[in-house]
Amino acid sequence: MDIDAAEIRKLLDKDAIREASLRYTRGIDRHDDDLMAQAYHPDATDDHGAYVGDPAGFIAHAKKTHARNWDVHHHYITNQTIELDGDTAHVETYFLAVLRRKTGPIDMVGGRYVDRFERREGRWAVADRVCLVEWNGELNSAETTMDPDLFIHGTWDRKDVSYQRPLTLTRPHRDIAF
């Protein structure tokens, strides 16, 4: 089997773009400004509806807005198409965001990020982004079906368990029936 260097480069480029997309979602959910910033080139523009401007401003805006309105939020990326054109890529990424308001109800948002990524000095990152919100609404019930106190709680800082290296579990074993 012949190894096609161009095809391998294409796979590596697409994977680097996917990783940048995941840094964005993890960064926004963990309120990790540094991680979120890695998804962008510093001179990028992000059109996120209520905020249009540079990444540093958007990161501050998102952090402030999320902390003011919600106590938990998760941003998921799903379908993603990546069209490579040299050191430029045109990327469309579907997203879902689920956000629990401090007052109880849960908001859901669905839409797409339409991005122009650029590879600069070997690093792929967003050069321009538009966020399209195509639907949103509130879940009918915010009642929990499991006791949330049984689970380790996430935090919006580097104390979150996802940063622990190596991950080492120390809680006593248990088996509680629901």
Protein backbone atom coordinates (compact mmCIF):
# COMPACT_ATOMS: atom_id res chain seq x y z
CA MET A 1 0.00 0.00 0.00
CA ASP A 2 1.37 3.38 -1.02
CA ILE A 3 1.18 6.15 1.52
CA ASP A 4 -0.12 9.34 -0.06
CA ALA A 5 1.53 12.24 1.77
CA ALA A 6 -1.08 14.73 0.51
CA GLU A 7 -3.94 12.62 1.92
CA ILE A 8 -2.13 12.27 5.25
CA ARG A 9 -1.57 16.05 5.36
CA LYS A 10 -5.29 16.56 4.65
CA LEU A 11 -6.27 14.25 7.54
CA LEU A 12 -3.82 15.98 9.90
CA ASP A 13 -5.14 19.42 8.92
CA LYS A 14 -8.75 18.38 9.45
CA ASP A 15 -7.90 16.87 12.82
CA ALA A 16 -6.14 20.07 13.90
CA ILE A 17 -9.27 22.05 12.96
CA ARG A 18 -11.50 19.66 14.91
CA GLU A 19 -9.19 19.97 17.92
CA ALA A 20 -9.41 23.78 17.74
CA SER A 21 -13.21 23.50 17.66
CA LEU A 22 -13.14 21.30 20.76
CA ARG A 23 -10.80 23.69 22.58
CA TYR A 24 -13.43 26.38 22.01
CA THR A 25 -16.28 24.34 23.50
CA ARG A 26 -14.26 23.05 26.43
CA GLY A 27 -12.87 26.51 27.07
CA ILE A 28 -16.28 28.20 27.10
CA ASP A 29 -17.78 25.54 29.40
CA ARG A 30 -14.87 25.57 31.85
CA HIS A 31 -14.49 29.39 31.68
CA ASP A 32 -10.90 28.73 30.65
CA ASP A 33 -9.95 31.90 28.79
CA ASP A 34 -6.54 30.61 27.66
CA LEU A 35 -7.96 27.41 26.21
CA MET A 36 -10.80 29.23 24.46
CA ALA A 37 -8.36 31.77 23.00
CA GLN A 38 -6.37 28.94 21.39
CA ALA A 39 -9.30 28.34 19.04
CA TYR A 40 -8.80 31.80 17.47
CA HIS A 41 -6.11 33.85 15.84
CA PRO A 42 -5.78 37.06 17.92
CA ASP A 43 -6.94 39.28 15.02
CA ALA A 44 -10.02 37.16 14.25
CA THR A 45 -13.56 38.52 14.24
CA ASP A 46 -16.41 36.67 15.95
CA ASP A 47 -20.00 37.64 15.12
CA HIS A 48 -21.94 36.09 17.97
CA GLY A 49 -25.08 38.22 17.65
CA ALA A 50 -24.92 40.26 20.87
CA TYR A 51 -21.15 40.57 20.46
CA VAL A 52 -19.22 41.28 17.28
CA GLY A 53 -15.50 41.86 17.65
CA ASP A 54 -12.16 40.33 18.50
CA PRO A 55 -11.66 37.04 20.38
CA ALA A 56 -10.41 38.64 23.61
CA GLY A 57 -13.54 40.77 23.81
CA PHE A 58 -15.81 37.84 22.96
CA ILE A 59 -14.19 35.64 25.60
CA ALA A 60 -14.75 38.32 28.26
CA HIS A 61 -18.33 38.87 27.01
CA ALA A 62 -19.15 35.14 27.02
CA LYS A 63 -17.65 34.57 30.46
CA LYS A 64 -19.55 37.51 31.96
CA THR A 65 -22.84 36.59 30.27
CA HIS A 66 -22.62 32.91 31.18
CA ALA A 67 -21.70 33.62 34.82
CA ARG A 68 -24.52 36.16 35.16
CA ASN A 69 -27.31 34.04 33.66
CA TRP A 70 -26.48 30.35 34.07
CA ASP A 71 -24.93 28.11 36.70
CA VAL A 72 -24.20 25.18 34.36
CA HIS A 73 -23.82 25.06 30.59
CA HIS A 74 -22.60 22.61 27.98
CA HIS A 75 -21.76 23.43 24.38
CA TYR A 76 -21.71 20.45 22.02
CA ILE A 77 -20.44 20.38 18.48
CA THR A 78 -21.87 17.76 16.15
CA ASN A 79 -21.80 17.60 12.35
CA GLN A 80 -18.76 19.32 10.91
CA THR A 81 -17.70 19.84 7.31
CA ILE A 82 -14.20 21.04 6.53
CA GLU A 83 -13.31 22.26 3.06
CA LEU A 84 -9.55 22.74 2.77
CA ASP A 85 -8.05 25.26 0.37
CA GLY A 86 -4.32 25.49 1.04
CA ASP A 87 -3.77 27.37 4.30
CA THR A 88 -7.46 28.31 4.47
CA ALA A 89 -10.39 26.11 5.47
CA HIS A 90 -14.11 26.79 5.23
CA VAL A 91 -15.76 25.04 8.15
CA GLU A 92 -19.40 24.59 9.11
CA THR A 93 -20.07 23.11 12.54
CA TYR A 94 -23.49 22.37 14.00
CA PHE A 95 -23.85 23.03 17.72
CA LEU A 96 -26.20 22.47 20.62
CA ALA A 97 -25.96 24.45 23.83
CA VAL A 98 -27.79 23.44 26.99
CA LEU A 99 -27.71 26.04 29.76
CA ARG A 100 -29.36 25.86 33.20
CA ARG A 101 -30.50 29.26 34.43
CA LYS A 102 -29.72 30.22 38.00
CA THR A 103 -33.49 30.56 38.45
CA GLY A 104 -34.04 26.92 37.43
CA PRO A 105 -35.28 26.58 33.83
CA ILE A 106 -33.05 25.05 31.17
CA ASP A 107 -32.41 26.84 27.89
CA MET A 108 -31.54 24.97 24.71
CA VAL A 109 -30.02 26.49 21.60
CA GLY A 110 -29.27 24.95 18.22
CA GLY A 111 -27.32 26.47 15.40
CA ARG A 112 -24.13 26.52 13.39
CA TYR A 113 -20.71 28.10 13.47
CA VAL A 114 -19.62 29.09 9.99
CA ASP A 115 -15.88 29.72 10.11
CA ARG A 116 -12.91 30.60 8.04
CA PHE A 117 -9.91 28.89 9.60
CA GLU A 118 -6.37 29.77 8.62
CA ARG A 119 -3.12 27.95 9.15
CA ARG A 120 -0.52 30.47 10.31
CA GLU A 121 2.96 29.36 11.32
CA GLY A 122 1.67 25.79 11.33
CA ARG A 123 -1.32 26.46 13.64
CA TRP A 124 -4.95 26.20 12.52
CA ALA A 125 -7.37 28.62 14.22
CA VAL A 126 -10.49 30.66 13.50
CA ALA A 127 -9.85 33.80 11.44
CA ASP A 128 -13.55 34.74 11.11
CA ARG A 129 -16.62 33.20 12.74
CA VAL A 130 -20.33 33.79 12.47
CA CYS A 131 -22.64 32.08 14.95
CA LEU A 132 -26.07 31.32 13.53
CA VAL A 133 -28.77 30.57 16.13
CA GLU A 134 -31.45 28.69 14.23
CA TRP A 135 -33.70 27.69 17.13
CA ASN A 136 -33.89 28.05 20.87
CA GLY A 137 -36.32 27.36 23.67
CA GLU A 138 -36.82 26.26 27.22
CA LEU A 139 -37.18 22.70 28.47
CA ASN A 140 -40.60 22.14 30.01
CA SER A 141 -39.17 20.78 33.24
CA ALA A 142 -35.97 21.49 35.11
CA GLU A 143 -36.68 18.79 37.66
CA THR A 144 -33.81 16.40 38.20
CA THR A 145 -34.23 12.64 37.96
CA MET A 146 -31.02 11.82 39.85
CA ASP A 147 -29.59 13.25 43.03
CA PRO A 148 -26.92 15.67 41.76
CA ASP A 149 -25.11 15.49 45.10
CA LEU A 150 -24.07 11.91 44.31
CA PHE A 151 -21.83 13.19 41.52
CA ILE A 152 -18.60 15.15 41.52
CA HIS A 153 -19.44 18.73 40.59
CA GLY A 154 -17.63 20.56 37.82
CA THR A 155 -16.04 23.93 38.39
CA TRP A 156 -15.28 26.91 36.19
CA ASP A 157 -11.56 26.87 36.79
CA ARG A 158 -8.53 24.59 36.64
CA LYS A 159 -9.67 22.82 39.82
CA ASP A 160 -12.21 20.97 37.65
CA VAL A 161 -11.56 17.22 37.66
CA SER A 162 -10.96 17.27 33.88
CA TYR A 163 -7.64 19.05 34.48
CA GLN A 164 -6.35 16.44 36.94
CA ARG A 165 -3.27 14.66 35.56
CA PRO A 166 -3.19 11.80 36.11
CA LEU A 167 -6.84 11.27 36.93
CA THR A 168 -6.88 9.45 40.27
CA LEU A 169 -10.17 8.50 41.91
CA THR A 170 -10.24 8.65 45.70
CA ARG A 171 -13.92 8.53 46.65
CA PRO A 172 -14.96 5.37 48.54
CA HIS A 173 -16.68 2.69 46.47
CA ARG A 174 -20.49 2.55 46.69
CA ASP A 175 -23.53 1.13 44.94
CA ILE A 176 -26.71 3.12 45.44
CA ALA A 177 -29.87 1.91 43.73
CA PHE A 178 -32.11 4.50 42.06
